[in-house]
PDB file of N, CA and C in Angstrom:
ATOM      1  N   MET A   1      -4.008 -51.979  16.234  1.00  0.00           N
ATOM      2  CA  MET A   1      -2.595 -52.841  17.148  1.00  0.00           C
ATOM      3  C   MET A   1      -3.229 -53.744  16.881  1.00  0.00           C
ATOM      4  N   GLN A   2      -1.716 -54.836  17.316  1.00  0.00           N
ATOM      5  CA  GLN A   2      -1.899 -56.315  16.488  1.00  0.00           C
ATOM      6  C   GLN A   2      -1.754 -56.833  17.938  1.00  0.00           C
ATOM      7  N   ALA A   3      -2.767 -58.094  17.800  1.00  0.00           N
ATOM      8  CA  ALA A   3      -3.391 -58.712  19.519  1.00  0.00           C
ATOM      9  C   ALA A   3      -2.400 -59.745  19.389  1.00  0.00           C
ATOM     10  N   ASP A   4      -2.094 -60.030  20.398  1.00  0.00           N
ATOM     11  CA  ASP A   4      -0.860 -60.962  20.713  1.00  0.00           C
ATOM     12  C   ASP A   4      -1.533 -62.313  21.022  1.00  0.00           C
ATOM     13  N   SER A   5      -0.739 -63.134  21.570  1.00  0.00           N
ATOM     14  CA  SER A   5      -1.564 -65.058  21.226  1.00  0.00           C
ATOM     15  C   SER A   5      -2.996 -65.246  22.468  1.00  0.00           C
ATOM     16  N   SER A   6      -3.303 -64.424  22.936  1.00  0.00           N
ATOM     17  CA  SER A   6      -4.178 -64.251  24.346  1.00  0.00           C
ATOM     18  C   SER A   6      -5.584 -63.524  23.361  1.00  0.00           C
ATOM     19  N   GLY A   7      -5.629 -62.912  22.321  1.00  0.00           N
ATOM     20  CA  GLY A   7      -6.262 -62.174  21.880  1.00  0.00           C
ATOM     21  C   GLY A   7      -6.383 -60.522  21.935  1.00  0.00           C
ATOM     22  N   LEU A   8      -5.976 -60.258  23.196  1.00  0.00           N
ATOM     23  CA  LEU A   8      -5.630 -58.999  23.385  1.00  0.00           C
ATOM     24  C   LEU A   8      -4.481 -57.886  22.903  1.00  0.00           C
ATOM     25  N   PRO A   9      -5.090 -56.909  22.820  1.00  0.00           N
ATOM     26  CA  PRO A   9      -4.028 -56.173  22.166  1.00  0.00           C
ATOM     27  C   PRO A   9      -2.859 -55.663  23.461  1.00  0.00           C
ATOM     28  N   PRO A  10      -1.460 -55.247  22.874  1.00  0.00           N
ATOM     29  CA  PRO A  10      -0.758 -54.930  24.216  1.00  0.00           C
ATOM     30  C   PRO A  10      -1.337 -53.534  25.012  1.00  0.00           C
ATOM     31  N   ALA A  11      -0.588 -54.161  26.200  1.00  0.00           N
ATOM     32  CA  ALA A  11      -0.656 -52.943  26.943  1.00  0.00           C
ATOM     33  C   ALA A  11       0.259 -51.430  26.744  1.00  0.00           C
ATOM     34  N   LYS A  12      -0.758 -50.552  27.048  1.00  0.00           N
ATOM     35  CA  LYS A  12       0.049 -49.277  26.627  1.00  0.00           C
ATOM     36  C   LYS A  12       1.553 -48.749  28.163  1.00  0.00           C
ATOM     37  N   ALA A  13       2.144 -48.487  28.101  1.00  0.00           N
ATOM     38  CA  ALA A  13       2.692 -47.723  29.063  1.00  0.00           C
ATOM     39  C   ALA A  13       2.665 -46.766  29.123  1.00  0.00           C
ATOM     40  N   ILE A  14       2.117 -46.218  30.863  1.00  0.00           N
ATOM     41  CA  ILE A  14       1.709 -44.940  30.834  1.00  0.00           C
ATOM     42  C   ILE A  14       2.894 -43.893  30.996  1.00  0.00           C
ATOM     43  N   GLN A  15       2.154 -42.954  30.162  1.00  0.00           N
ATOM     44  CA  GLN A  15       3.458 -41.575  29.843  1.00  0.00           C
ATOM     45  C   GLN A  15       3.780 -40.867  31.417  1.00  0.00           C
ATOM     46  N   LYS A  16       4.644 -40.423  31.621  1.00  0.00           N
ATOM     47  CA  LYS A  16       4.554 -39.411  32.470  1.00  0.00           C
ATOM     48  C   LYS A  16       3.828 -38.592  32.593  1.00  0.00           C
ATOM     49  N   GLY A  17       3.293 -38.173  33.353  1.00  0.00           N
ATOM     50  CA  GLY A  17       1.907 -37.385  34.053  1.00  0.00           C
ATOM     51  C   GLY A  17       0.912 -37.621  33.142  1.00  0.00           C
ATOM     52  N   LYS A  18       0.869 -39.115  33.195  1.00  0.00           N
ATOM     53  CA  LYS A  18      -0.864 -39.524  32.232  1.00  0.00           C
ATOM     54  C   LYS A  18      -1.041 -40.390  33.435  1.00  0.00           C
ATOM     55  N   ALA A  19      -0.752 -40.838  34.471  1.00  0.00           N
ATOM     56  CA  ALA A  19      -1.383 -41.730  35.456  1.00  0.00           C
ATOM     57  C   ALA A  19      -3.208 -41.221  35.616  1.00  0.00           C
ATOM     58  N   PRO A  20      -3.531 -42.286  36.247  1.00  0.00           N
ATOM     59  CA  PRO A  20      -4.459 -41.717  36.532  1.00  0.00           C
ATOM     60  C   PRO A  20      -4.800 -40.950  37.965  1.00  0.00           C
ATOM     61  N   LEU A  21      -5.338 -40.216  38.262  1.00  0.00           N
ATOM     62  CA  LEU A  21      -5.801 -39.320  39.397  1.00  0.00           C
ATOM     63  C   LEU A  21      -5.133 -40.231  40.536  1.00  0.00           C
ATOM     64  N   ALA A  22      -6.014 -41.687  40.728  1.00  0.00           N
ATOM     65  CA  ALA A  22      -5.823 -42.308  41.839  1.00  0.00           C
ATOM     66  C   ALA A  22      -4.389 -42.604  42.309  1.00  0.00           C
ATOM     67  N   ARG A  23      -3.554 -42.427  41.164  1.00  0.00           N
ATOM     68  CA  ARG A  23      -2.218 -43.119  41.245  1.00  0.00           C
ATOM     69  C   ARG A  23      -1.334 -41.888  41.334  1.00  0.00           C
ATOM     70  N   ARG A  24      -1.728 -40.666  41.245  1.00  0.00           N
ATOM     71  CA  ARG A  24      -1.060 -39.669  41.308  1.00  0.00           C
ATOM     72  C   ARG A  24      -0.880 -39.059  42.790  1.00  0.00           C
ATOM     73  N   LYS A  25      -0.925 -39.559  43.975  1.00  0.00           N
ATOM     74  CA  LYS A  25      -1.233 -38.758  45.260  1.00  0.00           C
ATOM     75  C   LYS A  25       0.356 -38.939  45.706  1.00  0.00           C
ATOM     76  N   PRO A  26       0.893 -38.513  46.175  1.00  0.00           N
ATOM     77  CA  PRO A  26       2.239 -38.596  47.170  1.00  0.00           C
ATOM     78  C   PRO A  26       2.156 -39.820  47.685  1.00  0.00           C
ATOM     79  N   ILE A  27       3.764 -40.159  47.896  1.00  0.00           N
ATOM     80  CA  ILE A  27       3.931 -40.919  49.509  1.00  0.00           C
ATOM     81  C   ILE A  27       3.587 -40.114  50.464  1.00  0.00           C
ATOM     82  N   GLN A  28       2.951 -41.046  51.183  1.00  0.00           N
ATOM     83  CA  GLN A  28       2.422 -41.200  52.776  1.00  0.00           C
ATOM     84  C   GLN A  28       3.731 -41.371  53.539  1.00  0.00           C
ATOM     85  N   THR A  29       4.581 -40.611  54.475  1.00  0.00           N
ATOM     86  CA  THR A  29       5.356 -40.885  55.021  1.00  0.00           C
ATOM     87  C   THR A  29       4.876 -40.866  56.789  1.00  0.00           C
ATOM     88  N   ASN A  30       5.166 -41.882  57.620  1.00  0.00           N
ATOM     89  CA  ASN A  30       4.988 -42.103  59.253  1.00  0.00           C
ATOM     90  C   ASN A  30       5.973 -41.211  59.327  1.00  0.00           C
ATOM     91  N   GLU A  31       5.813 -39.995  60.053  1.00  0.00           N
ATOM     92  CA  GLU A  31       7.249 -39.358  60.644  1.00  0.00           C
ATOM     93  C   GLU A  31       7.632 -40.316  62.078  1.00  0.00           C
ATOM     94  N   ALA A  32       6.236 -40.325  62.735  1.00  0.00           N
ATOM     95  CA  ALA A  32       6.512 -41.046  64.328  1.00  0.00           C
ATOM     96  C   ALA A  32       7.882 -42.185  63.870  1.00  0.00           C
ATOM     97  N   LEU A  33       7.064 -43.114  62.742  1.00  0.00           N
ATOM     98  CA  LEU A  33       7.856 -44.394  62.698  1.00  0.00           C
ATOM     99  C   LEU A  33       9.138 -44.405  61.962  1.00  0.00           C
ATOM    100  N   ALA A  34       9.503 -43.347  61.697  1.00  0.00           N
ATOM    101  CA  ALA A  34      10.762 -42.782  60.838  1.00  0.00           C
ATOM    102  C   ALA A  34      11.920 -42.431  61.859  1.00  0.00           C
ATOM    103  N   ASP A  35      10.936 -42.166  62.745  1.00  0.00           N
ATOM    104  CA  ASP A  35      11.716 -41.672  63.929  1.00  0.00           C
ATOM    105  C   ASP A  35      11.967 -42.330  64.758  1.00  0.00           C
ATOM    106  N   THR A  36      11.363 -43.267  65.158  1.00  0.00           N
ATOM    107  CA  THR A  36      11.441 -44.831  66.179  1.00  0.00           C
ATOM    108  C   THR A  36      12.686 -45.412  65.415  1.00  0.00           C
ATOM    109  N   ARG A  37      12.767 -45.410  63.822  1.00  0.00           N
ATOM    110  CA  ARG A  37      13.075 -46.390  63.620  1.00  0.00           C
ATOM    111  C   ARG A  37      15.103 -45.595  63.186  1.00  0.00           C
ATOM    112  N   GLN A  38      14.837 -44.216  63.064  1.00  0.00           N
ATOM    113  CA  GLN A  38      16.209 -43.740  63.440  1.00  0.00           C
ATOM    114  C   GLN A  38      16.723 -44.062  64.801  1.00  0.00           C
ATOM    115  N   GLY A  39      15.785 -44.028  65.848  1.00  0.00           N
ATOM    116  CA  GLY A  39      16.392 -43.912  67.173  1.00  0.00           C
ATOM    117  C   GLY A  39      16.900 -45.219  67.369  1.00  0.00           C
ATOM    118  N   ARG A  40      16.309 -46.584  66.896  1.00  0.00           N
ATOM    119  CA  ARG A  40      16.904 -47.600  66.964  1.00  0.00           C
ATOM    120  C   ARG A  40      18.128 -48.039  66.014  1.00  0.00           C
ATOM    121  N   LEU A  41      18.379 -47.530  64.989  1.00  0.00           N
ATOM    122  CA  LEU A  41      19.596 -47.342  64.561  1.00  0.00           C
ATOM    123  C   LEU A  41      21.154 -46.623  65.429  1.00  0.00           C
ATOM    124  N   ALA A  42      20.331 -45.437  65.979  1.00  0.00           N
ATOM    125  CA  ALA A  42      21.393 -44.566  66.768  1.00  0.00           C
ATOM    126  C   ALA A  42      21.864 -45.480  67.969  1.00  0.00           C
ATOM    127  N   ARG A  43      20.710 -46.170  68.515  1.00  0.00           N
ATOM    128  CA  ARG A  43      20.978 -47.222  69.763  1.00  0.00           C
ATOM    129  C   ARG A  43      21.663 -48.412  69.345  1.00  0.00           C
ATOM    130  N   LEU A  44      21.638 -49.319  67.689  1.00  0.00           N
ATOM    131  CA  LEU A  44      22.361 -50.000  68.189  1.00  0.00           C
ATOM    132  C   LEU A  44      23.678 -49.887  67.178  1.00  0.00           C
ATOM    133  N   ASP A  45      23.721 -48.124  66.745  1.00  0.00           N
ATOM    134  CA  ASP A  45      25.086 -47.639  66.340  1.00  0.00           C
ATOM    135  C   ASP A  45      25.975 -47.641  68.371  1.00  0.00           C
ATOM    136  N   ALA A  46      25.361 -47.183  69.189  1.00  0.00           N
ATOM    137  CA  ALA A  46      25.973 -46.364  70.373  1.00  0.00           C
ATOM    138  C   ALA A  46      26.557 -47.972  70.824  1.00  0.00           C
ATOM    139  N   LEU A  47      25.519 -48.884  70.914  1.00  0.00           N
ATOM    140  CA  LEU A  47      25.706 -50.647  71.529  1.00  0.00           C
ATOM    141  C   LEU A  47      26.864 -51.285  70.598  1.00  0.00           C
ATOM    142  N   ARG A  48      27.135 -51.129  69.452  1.00  0.00           N
ATOM    143  CA  ARG A  48      28.282 -51.344  68.935  1.00  0.00           C
ATOM    144  C   ARG A  48      29.879 -50.784  68.986  1.00  0.00           C
ATOM    145  N   ILE A  49      29.618 -49.254  68.751  1.00  0.00           N
ATOM    146  CA  ILE A  49      30.807 -48.473  69.884  1.00  0.00           C
ATOM    147  C   ILE A  49      30.994 -48.869  71.091  1.00  0.00           C
ATOM    148  N   GLU A  50      30.228 -49.212  71.485  1.00  0.00           N
ATOM    149  CA  GLU A  50      30.501 -49.362  73.480  1.00  0.00           C
ATOM    150  C   GLU A  50      30.962 -50.781  73.423  1.00  0.00           C
ATOM    151  N   ILE A  51      30.600 -51.844  72.291  1.00  0.00           N
ATOM    152  CA  ILE A  51      31.007 -53.683  72.574  1.00  0.00           C
ATOM    153  C   ILE A  51      32.252 -53.379  71.796  1.00  0.00           C
ATOM    154  N   ARG A  52      32.741 -52.304  70.626  1.00  0.00           N
ATOM    155  CA  ARG A  52      34.221 -52.707  70.411  1.00  0.00           C
ATOM    156  C   ARG A  52      34.917 -51.957  71.266  1.00  0.00           C
ATOM    157  N   THR A  53      34.990 -50.863  72.008  1.00  0.00           N
ATOM    158  CA  THR A  53      35.648 -50.411  73.194  1.00  0.00           C
ATOM    159  C   THR A  53      35.755 -51.532  74.355  1.00  0.00           C
ATOM    160  N   LEU A  54      34.752 -51.991  74.932  1.00  0.00           N
ATOM    161  CA  LEU A  54      35.091 -53.049  75.404  1.00  0.00           C
ATOM    162  C   LEU A  54      35.850 -54.159  75.036  1.00  0.00           C
ATOM    163  N   ILE A  55      35.328 -54.320  73.942  1.00  0.00           N
ATOM    164  CA  ILE A  55      36.808 -55.836  73.734  1.00  0.00           C
ATOM    165  C   ILE A  55      37.899 -54.953  73.525  1.00  0.00           C
ATOM    166  N   ALA A  56      38.618 -53.415  73.046  1.00  0.00           N
ATOM    167  CA  ALA A  56      39.621 -53.139  72.723  1.00  0.00           C
ATOM    168  C   ALA A  56      40.001 -53.168  74.334  1.00  0.00           C
ATOM    169  N   GLU A  57      39.756 -52.900  74.940  1.00  0.00           N
ATOM    170  CA  GLU A  57      39.743 -52.623  76.675  1.00  0.00           C
ATOM    171  C   GLU A  57      40.611 -54.213  77.194  1.00  0.00           C
ATOM    172  N   VAL A  58      39.735 -55.196  76.885  1.00  0.00           N
ATOM    173  CA  VAL A  58      40.025 -56.846  77.250  1.00  0.00           C
ATOM    174  C   VAL A  58      41.164 -57.335  76.361  1.00  0.00           C
ATOM    175  N   SER A  59      41.198 -56.617  74.935  1.00  0.00           N
ATOM    176  CA  SER A  59      42.300 -57.158  74.457  1.00  0.00           C
ATOM    177  C   SER A  59      43.961 -56.340  74.972  1.00  0.00           C
ATOM    178  N   TYR A  60      43.604 -55.042  75.228  1.00  0.00           N
ATOM    179  CA  TYR A  60      44.743 -54.587  75.370  1.00  0.00           C
ATOM    180  C   TYR A  60      45.208 -55.234  76.915  1.00  0.00           C
ATOM    181  N   ALA A  61      44.352 -55.215  77.754  1.00  0.00           N
ATOM    182  CA  ALA A  61      44.786 -55.904  79.053  1.00  0.00           C
ATOM    183  C   ALA A  61      45.437 -56.874  79.100  1.00  0.00           C
ATOM    184  N   ALA A  62      44.779 -57.842  78.432  1.00  0.00           N
ATOM    185  CA  ALA A  62      45.130 -59.254  77.894  1.00  0.00           C
ATOM    186  C   ALA A  62      46.867 -59.068  77.639  1.00  0.00           C
ATOM    187  N   ASP A  63      47.284 -58.128  76.576  1.00  0.00           N
ATOM    188  CA  ASP A  63      48.280 -57.745  76.095  1.00  0.00           C
ATOM    189  C   ASP A  63      49.198 -57.569  77.052  1.00  0.00           C
ATOM    190  N   VAL A  64      48.874 -56.508  77.903  1.00  0.00           N
ATOM    191  CA  VAL A  64      49.631 -56.682  78.899  1.00  0.00           C
ATOM    192  C   VAL A  64      50.310 -57.274  79.874  1.00  0.00           C
ATOM    193  N   GLU A  65      48.934 -58.282  80.021  1.00  0.00           N
ATOM    194  CA  GLU A  65      49.991 -59.439  80.696  1.00  0.00           C
ATOM    195  C   GLU A  65      50.691 -60.199  80.263  1.00  0.00           C
ATOM    196  N   LEU A  66      50.425 -60.362  78.460  1.00  0.00           N
ATOM    197  CA  LEU A  66      51.653 -61.152  77.937  1.00  0.00           C
ATOM    198  C   LEU A  66      52.409 -60.143  78.059  1.00  0.00           C
ATOM    199  N   LEU A  67      52.723 -58.921  78.086  1.00  0.00           N
ATOM    200  CA  LEU A  67      54.184 -58.651  77.773  1.00  0.00           C
ATOM    201  C   LEU A  67      54.446 -58.776  79.286  1.00  0.00           C
ATOM    202  N   ASP A  68      54.090 -57.824  80.504  1.00  0.00           N
ATOM    203  CA  ASP A  68      54.596 -58.764  81.656  1.00  0.00           C
ATOM    204  C   ASP A  68      55.041 -59.768  81.735  1.00  0.00           C
ATOM    205  N   LEU A  69      54.283 -60.979  81.515  1.00  0.00           N
ATOM    206  CA  LEU A  69      55.068 -62.544  81.422  1.00  0.00           C
ATOM    207  C   LEU A  69      56.024 -62.804  80.893  1.00  0.00           C
ATOM    208  N   MET A  70      56.092 -61.859  80.304  1.00  0.00           N
ATOM    209  CA  MET A  70      57.308 -61.941  78.972  1.00  0.00           C
ATOM    210  C   MET A  70      58.751 -61.300  79.776  1.00  0.00           C
ATOM    211  N   ALA A  71      58.455 -59.831  80.356  1.00  0.00           N
ATOM    212  CA  ALA A  71      59.451 -59.500  80.998  1.00  0.00           C
ATOM    213  C   ALA A  71      59.538 -59.930  81.908  1.00  0.00           C
ATOM    214  N   ASP A  72      59.091 -61.175  82.309  1.00  0.00           N
ATOM    215  CA  ASP A  72      59.487 -61.975  83.778  1.00  0.00           C
ATOM    216  C   ASP A  72      60.607 -62.879  83.489  1.00  0.00           C
ATOM    217  N   GLU A  73      60.381 -63.235  82.506  1.00  0.00           N
ATOM    218  CA  GLU A  73      60.911 -64.575  81.904  1.00  0.00           C
ATOM    219  C   GLU A  73      60.790 -65.703  82.834  1.00  0.00           C
ATOM    220  N   VAL A  74      59.969 -65.778  84.352  1.00  0.00           N
ATOM    221  CA  VAL A  74      59.501 -66.840  84.741  1.00  0.00           C
ATOM    222  C   VAL A  74      58.409 -66.876  85.175  1.00  0.00           C
ATOM    223  N   GLY A  75      57.390 -66.146  84.176  1.00  0.00           N
ATOM    224  CA  GLY A  75      55.875 -65.897  84.921  1.00  0.00           C
ATOM    225  C   GLY A  75      55.623 -67.546  84.345  1.00  0.00           C
ATOM    226  N   SER A  76      53.934 -67.681  85.424  1.00  0.00           N
ATOM    227  CA  SER A  76      53.885 -69.095  85.305  1.00  0.00           C
ATOM    228  C   SER A  76      53.126 -69.055  84.226  1.00  0.00           C
ATOM    229  N   PHE A  77      52.845 -70.849  83.519  1.00  0.00           N
ATOM    230  CA  PHE A  77      52.330 -70.995  82.107  1.00  0.00           C
ATOM    231  C   PHE A  77      50.908 -70.658  82.135  1.00  0.00           C
ATOM    232  N   ALA A  78      50.263 -70.966  83.474  1.00  0.00           N
ATOM    233  CA  ALA A  78      48.663 -70.683  83.733  1.00  0.00           C
ATOM    234  C   ALA A  78      48.363 -69.652  83.804  1.00  0.00           C
ATOM    235  N   ARG A  79      49.402 -68.374  84.445  1.00  0.00           N
ATOM    236  CA  ARG A  79      48.786 -67.091  83.748  1.00  0.00           C
ATOM    237  C   ARG A  79      49.082 -66.788  82.122  1.00  0.00           C
ATOM    238  N   HIS A  80      50.356 -67.225  81.126  1.00  0.00           N
ATOM    239  CA  HIS A  80      50.367 -66.984  80.221  1.00  0.00           C
ATOM    240  C   HIS A  80      49.220 -67.233  79.413  1.00  0.00           C
ATOM    241  N   LYS A  81      48.766 -68.913  79.680  1.00  0.00           N
ATOM    242  CA  LYS A  81      48.088 -69.159  79.073  1.00  0.00           C
ATOM    243  C   LYS A  81      45.908 -68.651  79.204  1.00  0.00           C
ATOM    244  N   ALA A  82      46.147 -68.086  80.226  1.00  0.00           N
ATOM    245  CA  ALA A  82      44.740 -67.382  81.096  1.00  0.00           C
ATOM    246  C   ALA A  82      44.923 -66.189  80.183  1.00  0.00           C
ATOM    247  N   ALA A  83      46.170 -65.266  79.995  1.00  0.00           N
ATOM    248  CA  ALA A  83      46.014 -63.728  78.969  1.00  0.00           C
ATOM    249  C   ALA A  83      45.461 -64.291  77.545  1.00  0.00           C
ATOM    250  N   GLN A  84      46.462 -65.545  77.119  1.00  0.00           N
ATOM    251  CA  GLN A  84      45.892 -65.877  75.580  1.00  0.00           C
ATOM    252  C   GLN A  84      44.662 -66.333  75.559  1.00  0.00           C
ATOM    253  N   GLU A  85      43.870 -66.837  76.273  1.00  0.00           N
ATOM    254  CA  GLU A  85      42.664 -67.230  76.524  1.00  0.00           C
ATOM    255  C   GLU A  85      41.567 -66.051  75.914  1.00  0.00           C
ATOM    256  N   ALA A  86      42.104 -65.501  77.352  1.00  0.00           N
ATOM    257  CA  ALA A  86      41.223 -63.964  77.512  1.00  0.00           C
ATOM    258  C   ALA A  86      41.358 -62.678  76.089  1.00  0.00           C
ATOM    259  N   ARG A  87      42.035 -62.927  75.433  1.00  0.00           N
ATOM    260  CA  ARG A  87      42.408 -62.272  73.953  1.00  0.00           C
ATOM    261  C   ARG A  87      41.849 -63.078  72.946  1.00  0.00           C
ATOM    262  N   THR A  88      41.464 -64.242  73.020  1.00  0.00           N
ATOM    263  CA  THR A  88      40.694 -65.235  72.057  1.00  0.00           C
ATOM    264  C   THR A  88      39.396 -64.986  72.335  1.00  0.00           C
ATOM    265  N   TRP A  89      39.081 -65.228  73.745  1.00  0.00           N
ATOM    266  CA  TRP A  89      37.426 -64.985  73.871  1.00  0.00           C
ATOM    267  C   TRP A  89      37.122 -63.539  73.204  1.00  0.00           C
ATOM    268  N   ALA A  90      37.997 -62.522  73.658  1.00  0.00           N
ATOM    269  CA  ALA A  90      37.246 -61.386  73.658  1.00  0.00           C
ATOM    270  C   ALA A  90      37.334 -60.759  71.857  1.00  0.00           C
ATOM    271  N   ALA A  91      38.025 -61.645  71.196  1.00  0.00           N
ATOM    272  CA  ALA A  91      37.936 -61.660  69.658  1.00  0.00           C
ATOM    273  C   ALA A  91      36.365 -62.649  69.045  1.00  0.00           C
ATOM    274  N   THR A  92      36.229 -63.443  69.470  1.00  0.00           N
ATOM    275  CA  THR A  92      35.236 -64.538  69.675  1.00  0.00           C
ATOM    276  C   THR A  92      33.845 -63.996  69.687  1.00  0.00           C
ATOM    277  N   ALA A  93      34.233 -63.168  71.339  1.00  0.00           N
ATOM    278  CA  ALA A  93      32.807 -62.853  71.272  1.00  0.00           C
ATOM    279  C   ALA A  93      32.312 -61.457  70.366  1.00  0.00           C
ATOM    280  N   GLY A  94      33.574 -60.289  69.826  1.00  0.00           N
ATOM    281  CA  GLY A  94      33.275 -59.270  69.701  1.00  0.00           C
ATOM    282  C   GLY A  94      32.659 -59.768  68.110  1.00  0.00           C
ATOM    283  N   ILE A  95      33.024 -61.094  67.118  1.00  0.00           N
ATOM    284  CA  ILE A  95      32.637 -61.257  66.058  1.00  0.00           C
ATOM    285  C   ILE A  95      31.127 -61.689  65.902  1.00  0.00           C
ATOM    286  N   THR A  96      30.880 -62.550  67.261  1.00  0.00           N
ATOM    287  CA  THR A  96      29.516 -63.133  67.833  1.00  0.00           C
ATOM    288  C   THR A  96      28.517 -62.429  67.773  1.00  0.00           C
ATOM    289  N   LEU A  97      29.261 -60.991  68.600  1.00  0.00           N
ATOM    290  CA  LEU A  97      28.652 -60.187  68.792  1.00  0.00           C
ATOM    291  C   LEU A  97      28.251 -58.548  67.530  1.00  0.00           C
ATOM    292  N   GLU A  98      29.069 -58.547  66.824  1.00  0.00           N
ATOM    293  CA  GLU A  98      28.860 -58.003  65.527  1.00  0.00           C
ATOM    294  C   GLU A  98      27.794 -58.431  64.471  1.00  0.00           C
ATOM    295  N   THR A  99      27.912 -59.663  64.466  1.00  0.00           N
ATOM    296  CA  THR A  99      26.968 -60.559  63.771  1.00  0.00           C
ATOM    297  C   THR A  99      25.891 -60.183  64.443  1.00  0.00           C
ATOM    298  N   GLY A 100      25.840 -60.438  65.199  1.00  0.00           N
ATOM    299  CA  GLY A 100      24.234 -60.140  65.958  1.00  0.00           C
ATOM    300  C   GLY A 100      23.485 -58.703  65.863  1.00  0.00           C
ATOM    301  N   LEU A 101      24.288 -57.861  66.232  1.00  0.00           N
ATOM    302  CA  LEU A 101      24.084 -56.173  66.078  1.00  0.00           C
ATOM    303  C   LEU A 101      23.478 -56.366  64.570  1.00  0.00           C
ATOM    304  N   MET A 102      24.707 -57.333  63.383  1.00  0.00           N
ATOM    305  CA  MET A 102      24.250 -56.489  62.961  1.00  0.00           C
ATOM    306  C   MET A 102      22.858 -57.176  61.705  1.00  0.00           C
ATOM    307  N   GLN A 103      22.706 -58.498  62.524  1.00  0.00           N
ATOM    308  CA  GLN A 103      21.402 -58.924  61.641  1.00  0.00           C
ATOM    309  C   GLN A 103      20.094 -57.976  62.615  1.00  0.00           C
ATOM    310  N   LEU A 104      20.471 -57.955  63.768  1.00  0.00           N
ATOM    311  CA  LEU A 104      19.572 -56.727  64.019  1.00  0.00           C
ATOM    312  C   LEU A 104      19.357 -55.466  63.913  1.00  0.00           C
ATOM    313  N   ALA A 105      20.429 -55.130  63.143  1.00  0.00           N
ATOM    314  CA  ALA A 105      19.783 -53.384  61.788  1.00  0.00           C
ATOM    315  C   ALA A 105      19.395 -54.260  60.748  1.00  0.00           C
ATOM    316  N   ARG A 106      19.616 -55.352  60.445  1.00  0.00           N
ATOM    317  CA  ARG A 106      18.782 -55.634  59.168  1.00  0.00           C
ATOM    318  C   ARG A 106      17.323 -56.093  59.076  1.00  0.00           C
ATOM    319  N   SER A 107      17.296 -56.378  60.516  1.00  0.00           N
ATOM    320  CA  SER A 107      15.590 -56.457  61.173  1.00  0.00           C
ATOM    321  C   SER A 107      14.836 -55.482  60.894  1.00  0.00           C
ATOM    322  N   LEU A 108      15.332 -54.654  61.045  1.00  0.00           N
ATOM    323  CA  LEU A 108      14.801 -52.903  61.336  1.00  0.00           C
ATOM    324  C   LEU A 108      13.734 -52.956  59.903  1.00  0.00           C
ATOM    325  N   PRO A 109      12.242 -52.436  59.850  1.00  0.00           N
ATOM    326  CA  PRO A 109      12.185 -52.142  58.373  1.00  0.00           C
ATOM    327  C   PRO A 109      13.058 -50.887  57.826  1.00  0.00           C
ATOM    328  N   ASN A 110      13.401 -51.188  56.491  1.00  0.00           N
ATOM    329  CA  ASN A 110      14.135 -50.406  55.544  1.00  0.00           C
ATOM    330  C   ASN A 110      14.912 -49.997  56.301  1.00  0.00           C
ATOM    331  N   SER A 111      15.764 -50.580  57.152  1.00  0.00           N
ATOM    332  CA  SER A 111      17.587 -50.192  57.500  1.00  0.00           C
ATOM    333  C   SER A 111      17.840 -50.283  56.219  1.00  0.00           C
ATOM    334  N   THR A 112      18.319 -51.140  55.860  1.00  0.00           N
ATOM    335  CA  THR A 112      19.433 -51.652  54.747  1.00  0.00           C
ATOM    336  C   THR A 112      19.136 -50.434  53.685  1.00  0.00           C
ATOM    337  N   ALA A 113      18.005 -49.476  53.379  1.00  0.00           N
ATOM    338  CA  ALA A 113      17.852 -48.456  52.522  1.00  0.00           C
ATOM    339  C   ALA A 113      18.446 -47.317  53.115  1.00  0.00           C
ATOM    340  N   GLN A 114      19.057 -47.418  54.210  1.00  0.00           N
ATOM    341  CA  GLN A 114      18.891 -46.063  54.927  1.00  0.00           C
ATOM    342  C   GLN A 114      20.693 -45.923  55.349  1.00  0.00           C
ATOM    343  N   ARG A 115      20.684 -47.448  56.198  1.00  0.00           N
ATOM    344  CA  ARG A 115      22.039 -47.471  56.594  1.00  0.00           C
ATOM    345  C   ARG A 115      22.566 -48.898  55.634  1.00  0.00           C
ATOM    346  N   THR A 116      23.583 -48.317  54.893  1.00  0.00           N
ATOM    347  CA  THR A 116      24.441 -49.283  54.392  1.00  0.00           C
ATOM    348  C   THR A 116      25.888 -49.411  54.355  1.00  0.00           C
ATOM    349  N   ARG A 117      25.885 -49.049  55.625  1.00  0.00           N
ATOM    350  CA  ARG A 117      27.524 -48.930  55.902  1.00  0.00           C
ATOM    351  C   ARG A 117      27.446 -49.478  57.215  1.00  0.00           C
ATOM    352  N   HIS A 118      28.591 -50.247  57.399  1.00  0.00           N
ATOM    353  CA  HIS A 118      28.589 -50.574  59.287  1.00  0.00           C
ATOM    354  C   HIS A 118      30.266 -50.629  59.872  1.00  0.00           C
ATOM    355  N   ASP A 119      30.463 -49.898  60.596  1.00  0.00           N
ATOM    356  CA  ASP A 119      32.189 -49.532  60.440  1.00  0.00           C
ATOM    357  C   ASP A 119      32.576 -50.587  61.120  1.00  0.00           C
TER     358      ASP A 119
END
C-alpha cells in the first residue's frame, strides 16, 4: 500500500457484511415518538382542510354578494367595495395561514422525509 502525503496508507472501505459488530445493530425506533409525529401531521392536515373550507365559504359568500349587487344595478358602492375586500382578505389570509402551516409541518422532526406532498 502506498502512503499519502500524511504518511498514512489510505483507509479501506468497509465491505458489505464486514462492519464491526458494534455497527451492526439495527436502527432503534421509538414508536411512541413516531405515533406522536404522525398525530401532529394529521392535525396539521385537518387544520389545512378546515382553513381551506372556511376560505372557500367566505369567498363564495363574497361572490354571491357581488352577483346580487350586479343584478340590482343600483347597489351601493360601499357594499360592493366590502364584498371585494372580503374576497381579497380571505385570499390573503389563506396564503398566510397555508404558509404558517407549511412552516409548522417542516418544524416537526423528520416530517420532510415522511410527508413531501402538501395538497
